[in-house]
């Protein structure tokens, strides 16, 4: 990996973390739920032999909904 690509990756990662600093509790649950759901959907789809991107998308959607409807 070149130094330029590495620097760009670091800047993007830091920017994405900074963008999450002012989220409400509900927004944080939706974001974390969709991330966890996407990872779970990808794993399940890979194990089952299905299309990984479809499993990721379904998992992210389900995780976002679950995060949105749950409360503290």
PDB file of N, CA and C in Angstrom:
ATOM      1  N   UNK A   1       0.851  -1.168   0.000  1.00  0.00           N
ATOM      2  CA  UNK A   1       0.000   0.000   0.000  1.00  0.00           C
ATOM      3  C   UNK A   1       0.898   1.233   0.000  1.00  0.00           C
ATOM      4  N   UNK A   2       0.589   2.150  -0.884  1.00  0.00           N
ATOM      5  CA  UNK A   2       1.421   3.346  -0.949  1.00  0.00           C
ATOM      6  C   UNK A   2       1.110   4.280   0.214  1.00  0.00           C
ATOM      7  N   UNK A   3       2.010   5.202   0.444  1.00  0.00           N
ATOM      8  CA  UNK A   3       1.828   6.147   1.547  1.00  0.00           C
ATOM      9  C   UNK A   3       0.599   7.022   1.341  1.00  0.00           C
ATOM     10  N   UNK A   4       0.302   7.387   0.084  1.00  0.00           N
ATOM     11  CA  UNK A   4      -0.862   8.218  -0.192  1.00  0.00           C
ATOM     12  C   UNK A   4      -2.152   7.471   0.136  1.00  0.00           C
ATOM     13  N   UNK A   5      -2.230   6.209  -0.255  1.00  0.00           N
ATOM     14  CA  UNK A   5      -3.415   5.414   0.050  1.00  0.00           C
ATOM     15  C   UNK A   5      -3.575   5.216   1.552  1.00  0.00           C
ATOM     16  N   UNK A   6      -2.486   4.986   2.225  1.00  0.00           N
ATOM     17  CA  UNK A   6      -2.529   4.798   3.672  1.00  0.00           C
ATOM     18  C   UNK A   6      -2.996   6.070   4.372  1.00  0.00           C
ATOM     19  N   UNK A   7      -2.498   7.213   3.935  1.00  0.00           N
ATOM     20  CA  UNK A   7      -2.897   8.496   4.527  1.00  0.00           C
ATOM     21  C   UNK A   7      -4.368   8.778   4.256  1.00  0.00           C
ATOM     22  N   UNK A   8      -4.820   8.480   3.049  1.00  0.00           N
ATOM     23  CA  UNK A   8      -6.226   8.676   2.714  1.00  0.00           C
ATOM     24  C   UNK A   8      -7.118   7.786   3.561  1.00  0.00           C
ATOM     25  N   UNK A   9      -6.707   6.562   3.778  1.00  0.00           N
ATOM     26  CA  UNK A   9      -7.478   5.644   4.610  1.00  0.00           C
ATOM     27  C   UNK A   9      -7.569   6.149   6.051  1.00  0.00           C
ATOM     28  N   UNK A  10      -6.496   6.666   6.578  1.00  0.00           N
ATOM     29  CA  UNK A  10      -6.488   7.200   7.942  1.00  0.00           C
ATOM     30  C   UNK A  10      -7.404   8.420   8.050  1.00  0.00           C
ATOM     31  N   UNK A  11      -7.343   9.299   7.067  1.00  0.00           N
ATOM     32  CA  UNK A  11      -8.190  10.499   7.084  1.00  0.00           C
ATOM     33  C   UNK A  11      -9.665  10.120   6.992  1.00  0.00           C
ATOM     34  N   UNK A  12      -9.995   9.171   6.131  1.00  0.00           N
ATOM     35  CA  UNK A  12     -11.383   8.741   6.001  1.00  0.00           C
ATOM     36  C   UNK A  12     -11.882   8.060   7.271  1.00  0.00           C
ATOM     37  N   UNK A  13     -11.054   7.253   7.887  1.00  0.00           N
ATOM     38  CA  UNK A  13     -11.453   6.583   9.124  1.00  0.00           C
ATOM     39  C   UNK A  13     -11.678   7.590  10.243  1.00  0.00           C
ATOM     40  N   UNK A  14     -10.796   8.558  10.367  1.00  0.00           N
ATOM     41  CA  UNK A  14     -10.954   9.582  11.401  1.00  0.00           C
ATOM     42  C   UNK A  14     -12.184  10.436  11.130  1.00  0.00           C
ATOM     43  N   UNK A  15     -12.435  10.748   9.886  1.00  0.00           N
ATOM     44  CA  UNK A  15     -13.612  11.534   9.534  1.00  0.00           C
ATOM     45  C   UNK A  15     -14.903  10.805   9.817  1.00  0.00           C
ATOM     46  N   UNK A  16     -14.917   9.511   9.565  1.00  0.00           N
ATOM     47  CA  UNK A  16     -16.136   8.751   9.830  1.00  0.00           C
ATOM     48  C   UNK A  16     -16.398   8.633  11.324  1.00  0.00           C
ATOM     49  N   UNK A  17     -15.371   8.554  12.122  1.00  0.00           N
ATOM     50  CA  UNK A  17     -15.558   8.524  13.574  1.00  0.00           C
ATOM     51  C   UNK A  17     -16.029   9.877  14.096  1.00  0.00           C
ATOM     52  N   UNK A  18     -15.505  10.943  13.548  1.00  0.00           N
ATOM     53  CA  UNK A  18     -15.905  12.280  13.985  1.00  0.00           C
ATOM     54  C   UNK A  18     -17.348  12.573  13.607  1.00  0.00           C
ATOM     55  N   UNK A  19     -17.823  11.990  12.530  1.00  0.00           N
ATOM     56  CA  UNK A  19     -19.197  12.224  12.097  1.00  0.00           C
ATOM     57  C   UNK A  19     -20.209  11.622  13.057  1.00  0.00           C
ATOM     58  N   UNK A  20     -19.806  10.692  13.875  1.00  0.00           N
ATOM     59  CA  UNK A  20     -20.714  10.016  14.797  1.00  0.00           C
ATOM     60  C   UNK A  20     -20.737  10.640  16.188  1.00  0.00           C
ATOM     61  N   UNK A  21     -20.086  11.759  16.370  1.00  0.00           N
ATOM     62  CA  UNK A  21     -19.937  12.305  17.720  1.00  0.00           C
ATOM     63  C   UNK A  21     -21.204  12.949  18.256  1.00  0.00           C
ATOM     64  N   UNK A  22     -22.088  13.446  17.419  1.00  0.00           N
ATOM     65  CA  UNK A  22     -23.279  14.152  17.890  1.00  0.00           C
ATOM     66  C   UNK A  22     -24.566  13.372  17.649  1.00  0.00           C
ATOM     67  N   UNK A  23     -24.506  12.076  17.633  1.00  0.00           N
ATOM     68  CA  UNK A  23     -25.699  11.273  17.394  1.00  0.00           C
ATOM     69  C   UNK A  23     -26.518  11.119  18.667  1.00  0.00           C
ATOM     70  N   UNK A  24     -27.834  11.047  18.487  1.00  0.00           N
ATOM     71  CA  UNK A  24     -28.703  10.754  19.618  1.00  0.00           C
ATOM     72  C   UNK A  24     -28.599   9.271  19.954  1.00  0.00           C
ATOM     73  N   UNK A  25     -29.198   8.883  21.053  1.00  0.00           N
ATOM     74  CA  UNK A  25     -29.175   7.476  21.440  1.00  0.00           C
ATOM     75  C   UNK A  25     -29.836   6.579  20.408  1.00  0.00           C
ATOM     76  N   UNK A  26     -30.951   7.031  19.860  1.00  0.00           N
ATOM     77  CA  UNK A  26     -31.649   6.243  18.838  1.00  0.00           C
ATOM     78  C   UNK A  26     -30.798   6.108  17.585  1.00  0.00           C
ATOM     79  N   UNK A  27     -30.168   7.187  17.170  1.00  0.00           N
ATOM     80  CA  UNK A  27     -29.315   7.131  15.986  1.00  0.00           C
ATOM     81  C   UNK A  27     -28.126   6.207  16.200  1.00  0.00           C
ATOM     82  N   UNK A  28     -27.571   6.205  17.394  1.00  0.00           N
ATOM     83  CA  UNK A  28     -26.458   5.310  17.695  1.00  0.00           C
ATOM     84  C   UNK A  28     -26.909   3.852  17.640  1.00  0.00           C
ATOM     85  N   UNK A  29     -28.110   3.562  18.170  1.00  0.00           N
ATOM     86  CA  UNK A  29     -28.607   2.189  18.126  1.00  0.00           C
ATOM     87  C   UNK A  29     -28.881   1.736  16.698  1.00  0.00           C
ATOM     88  N   UNK A  30     -29.423   2.634  15.868  1.00  0.00           N
ATOM     89  CA  UNK A  30     -29.673   2.297  14.463  1.00  0.00           C
ATOM     90  C   UNK A  30     -28.357   2.019  13.746  1.00  0.00           C
ATOM     91  N   UNK A  31     -27.372   2.858  13.973  1.00  0.00           N
ATOM     92  CA  UNK A  31     -26.071   2.688  13.315  1.00  0.00           C
ATOM     93  C   UNK A  31     -25.383   1.403  13.755  1.00  0.00           C
ATOM     94  N   UNK A  32     -25.342   1.162  15.065  1.00  0.00           N
ATOM     95  CA  UNK A  32     -24.678  -0.054  15.538  1.00  0.00           C
ATOM     96  C   UNK A  32     -25.483  -1.295  15.165  1.00  0.00           C
ATOM     97  N   UNK A  33     -26.803  -1.189  15.201  1.00  0.00           N
ATOM     98  CA  UNK A  33     -27.631  -2.328  14.793  1.00  0.00           C
ATOM     99  C   UNK A  33     -27.434  -2.690  13.337  1.00  0.00           C
ATOM    100  N   UNK A  34     -27.340  -1.687  12.482  1.00  0.00           N
ATOM    101  CA  UNK A  34     -27.131  -1.979  11.066  1.00  0.00           C
ATOM    102  C   UNK A  34     -25.736  -2.544  10.806  1.00  0.00           C
ATOM    103  N   UNK A  35     -24.739  -2.075  11.540  1.00  0.00           N
ATOM    104  CA  UNK A  35     -23.383  -2.618  11.365  1.00  0.00           C
ATOM    105  C   UNK A  35     -23.311  -4.070  11.816  1.00  0.00           C
ATOM    106  N   UNK A  36     -23.902  -4.349  12.971  1.00  0.00           N
ATOM    107  CA  UNK A  36     -23.905  -5.724  13.481  1.00  0.00           C
ATOM    108  C   UNK A  36     -24.743  -6.622  12.570  1.00  0.00           C
ATOM    109  N   UNK A  37     -25.882  -6.111  12.123  1.00  0.00           N
ATOM    110  CA  UNK A  37     -26.728  -6.889  11.218  1.00  0.00           C
ATOM    111  C   UNK A  37     -26.050  -7.173   9.891  1.00  0.00           C
ATOM    112  N   UNK A  38     -25.322  -6.197   9.368  1.00  0.00           N
ATOM    113  CA  UNK A  38     -24.613  -6.402   8.106  1.00  0.00           C
ATOM    114  C   UNK A  38     -23.545  -7.472   8.244  1.00  0.00           C
ATOM    115  N   UNK A  39     -22.813  -7.432   9.343  1.00  0.00           N
ATOM    116  CA  UNK A  39     -21.778  -8.449   9.567  1.00  0.00           C
ATOM    117  C   UNK A  39     -22.415  -9.826   9.735  1.00  0.00           C
ATOM    118  N   UNK A  40     -23.469  -9.885  10.511  1.00  0.00           N
ATOM    119  CA  UNK A  40     -24.149 -11.169  10.711  1.00  0.00           C
ATOM    120  C   UNK A  40     -24.755 -11.703   9.427  1.00  0.00           C
ATOM    121  N   UNK A  41     -25.377 -10.820   8.649  1.00  0.00           N
ATOM    122  CA  UNK A  41     -25.958 -11.244   7.377  1.00  0.00           C
ATOM    123  C   UNK A  41     -24.920 -11.742   6.397  1.00  0.00           C
ATOM    124  N   UNK A  42     -23.762 -11.107   6.378  1.00  0.00           N
ATOM    125  CA  UNK A  42     -22.690 -11.543   5.483  1.00  0.00           C
ATOM    126  C   UNK A  42     -22.174 -12.917   5.884  1.00  0.00           C
ATOM    127  N   UNK A  43     -22.003 -13.123   7.189  1.00  0.00           N
ATOM    128  CA  UNK A  43     -21.504 -14.418   7.670  1.00  0.00           C
ATOM    129  C   UNK A  43     -22.507 -15.526   7.379  1.00  0.00           C
ATOM    130  N   UNK A  44     -23.762 -15.282   7.701  1.00  0.00           N
ATOM    131  CA  UNK A  44     -24.790 -16.304   7.470  1.00  0.00           C
ATOM    132  C   UNK A  44     -24.917 -16.614   5.992  1.00  0.00           C
ATOM    133  N   UNK A  45     -24.892 -15.589   5.158  1.00  0.00           N
ATOM    134  CA  UNK A  45     -24.992 -15.803   3.720  1.00  0.00           C
ATOM    135  C   UNK A  45     -23.790 -16.570   3.176  1.00  0.00           C
ATOM    136  N   UNK A  46     -22.609 -16.272   3.687  1.00  0.00           N
ATOM    137  CA  UNK A  46     -21.412 -16.986   3.235  1.00  0.00           C
ATOM    138  C   UNK A  46     -21.457 -18.447   3.649  1.00  0.00           C
ATOM    139  N   UNK A  47     -21.909 -18.705   4.872  1.00  0.00           N
ATOM    140  CA  UNK A  47     -21.988 -20.086   5.356  1.00  0.00           C
ATOM    141  C   UNK A  47     -23.047 -20.868   4.586  1.00  0.00           C
ATOM    142  N   UNK A  48     -24.171 -20.208   4.293  1.00  0.00           N
ATOM    143  CA  UNK A  48     -25.260 -20.882   3.592  1.00  0.00           C
ATOM    144  C   UNK A  48     -25.019 -20.995   2.093  1.00  0.00           C
ATOM    145  N   UNK A  49     -24.028 -20.277   1.580  1.00  0.00           N
ATOM    146  CA  UNK A  49     -23.711 -20.361   0.158  1.00  0.00           C
ATOM    147  C   UNK A  49     -24.533 -19.415  -0.697  1.00  0.00           C
ATOM    148  N   UNK A  50     -25.143 -18.415  -0.096  1.00  0.00           N
ATOM    149  CA  UNK A  50     -25.948 -17.452  -0.841  1.00  0.00           C
ATOM    150  C   UNK A  50     -25.125 -16.248  -1.264  1.00  0.00           C
ATOM    151  N   UNK A  51     -25.790 -15.305  -1.921  1.00  0.00           N
ATOM    152  CA  UNK A  51     -25.086 -14.082  -2.330  1.00  0.00           C
ATOM    153  C   UNK A  51     -24.754 -13.216  -1.110  1.00  0.00           C
ATOM    154  N   UNK A  52     -23.483 -12.945  -0.917  1.00  0.00           N
ATOM    155  CA  UNK A  52     -23.022 -12.264   0.291  1.00  0.00           C
ATOM    156  C   UNK A  52     -23.540 -10.835   0.360  1.00  0.00           C
ATOM    157  N   UNK A  53     -23.552 -10.126  -0.758  1.00  0.00           N
ATOM    158  CA  UNK A  53     -24.035  -8.745  -0.732  1.00  0.00           C
ATOM    159  C   UNK A  53     -25.517  -8.672  -0.371  1.00  0.00           C
ATOM    160  N   UNK A  54     -26.297  -9.622  -0.839  1.00  0.00           N
ATOM    161  CA  UNK A  54     -27.712  -9.646  -0.486  1.00  0.00           C
ATOM    162  C   UNK A  54     -27.892  -9.929   0.999  1.00  0.00           C
ATOM    163  N   UNK A  55     -27.152 -10.866   1.519  1.00  0.00           N
ATOM    164  CA  UNK A  55     -27.211 -11.160   2.945  1.00  0.00           C
ATOM    165  C   UNK A  55     -26.780  -9.978   3.789  1.00  0.00           C
ATOM    166  N   UNK A  56     -25.765  -9.264   3.316  1.00  0.00           N
ATOM    167  CA  UNK A  56     -25.297  -8.071   4.021  1.00  0.00           C
ATOM    168  C   UNK A  56     -26.372  -6.994   4.032  1.00  0.00           C
ATOM    169  N   UNK A  57     -27.006  -6.776   2.893  1.00  0.00           N
ATOM    170  CA  UNK A  57     -28.043  -5.745   2.800  1.00  0.00           C
ATOM    171  C   UNK A  57     -29.251  -6.085   3.668  1.00  0.00           C
ATOM    172  N   UNK A  58     -29.678  -7.336   3.636  1.00  0.00           N
ATOM    173  CA  UNK A  58     -30.816  -7.747   4.458  1.00  0.00           C
ATOM    174  C   UNK A  58     -30.469  -7.643   5.939  1.00  0.00           C
ATOM    175  N   UNK A  59     -29.289  -8.074   6.307  1.00  0.00           N
ATOM    176  CA  UNK A  59     -28.861  -7.987   7.697  1.00  0.00           C
ATOM    177  C   UNK A  59     -28.759  -6.552   8.180  1.00  0.00           C
ATOM    178  N   UNK A  60     -28.242  -5.669   7.327  1.00  0.00           N
ATOM    179  CA  UNK A  60     -28.137  -4.255   7.711  1.00  0.00           C
ATOM    180  C   UNK A  60     -29.504  -3.635   7.890  1.00  0.00           C
ATOM    181  N   UNK A  61     -30.422  -3.963   7.005  1.00  0.00           N
ATOM    182  CA  UNK A  61     -31.791  -3.437   7.142  1.00  0.00           C
ATOM    183  C   UNK A  61     -32.477  -3.944   8.391  1.00  0.00           C
ATOM    184  N   UNK A  62     -32.352  -5.228   8.648  1.00  0.00           N
ATOM    185  CA  UNK A  62     -32.973  -5.795   9.848  1.00  0.00           C
ATOM    186  C   UNK A  62     -32.338  -5.230  11.116  1.00  0.00           C
ATOM    187  N   UNK A  63     -31.037  -5.055  11.105  1.00  0.00           N
ATOM    188  CA  UNK A  63     -30.356  -4.487  12.269  1.00  0.00           C
ATOM    189  C   UNK A  63     -30.734  -3.041  12.514  1.00  0.00           C
ATOM    190  N   UNK A  64     -30.912  -2.284  11.429  1.00  0.00           N
ATOM    191  CA  UNK A  64     -31.318  -0.887  11.569  1.00  0.00           C
ATOM    192  C   UNK A  64     -32.720  -0.781  12.155  1.00  0.00           C
ATOM    193  N   UNK A  65     -33.614  -1.623  11.679  1.00  0.00           N
ATOM    194  CA  UNK A  65     -34.985  -1.622  12.213  1.00  0.00           C
ATOM    195  C   UNK A  65     -34.975  -2.034  13.680  1.00  0.00           C
ATOM    196  N   UNK A  66     -34.218  -3.061  13.999  1.00  0.00           N
ATOM    197  CA  UNK A  66     -34.147  -3.502  15.401  1.00  0.00           C
ATOM    198  C   UNK A  66     -33.553  -2.417  16.293  1.00  0.00           C
ATOM    199  N   UNK A  67     -32.568  -1.705  15.805  1.00  0.00           N
ATOM    200  CA  UNK A  67     -32.001  -0.618  16.580  1.00  0.00           C
ATOM    201  C   UNK A  67     -32.953   0.547  16.747  1.00  0.00           C
ATOM    202  N   UNK A  68     -33.785   0.769  15.743  1.00  0.00           N
ATOM    203  CA  UNK A  68     -34.719   1.895  15.791  1.00  0.00           C
ATOM    204  C   UNK A  68     -35.873   1.640  16.752  1.00  0.00           C
ATOM    205  N   UNK A  69     -36.308   0.394  16.850  1.00  0.00           N
ATOM    206  CA  UNK A  69     -37.500   0.124  17.674  1.00  0.00           C
ATOM    207  C   UNK A  69     -37.160  -0.197  19.125  1.00  0.00           C
ATOM    208  N   UNK A  70     -35.896  -0.425  19.427  1.00  0.00           N
ATOM    209  CA  UNK A  70     -35.545  -0.690  20.808  1.00  0.00           C
ATOM    210  C   UNK A  70     -35.334   0.613  21.560  1.00  0.00           C
ATOM    211  N   UNK A  71     -35.531   0.565  22.858  1.00  0.00           N
ATOM    212  CA  UNK A  71     -35.327   1.748  23.669  1.00  0.00           C
ATOM    213  C   UNK A  71     -34.264   1.454  24.704  1.00  0.00           C
ATOM    214  N   UNK A  72     -33.928   2.446  25.481  1.00  0.00           N
ATOM    215  CA  UNK A  72     -32.857   2.320  26.466  1.00  0.00           C
ATOM    216  C   UNK A  72     -33.103   1.129  27.307  1.00  0.00           C
TER     217      UNK A  72
END
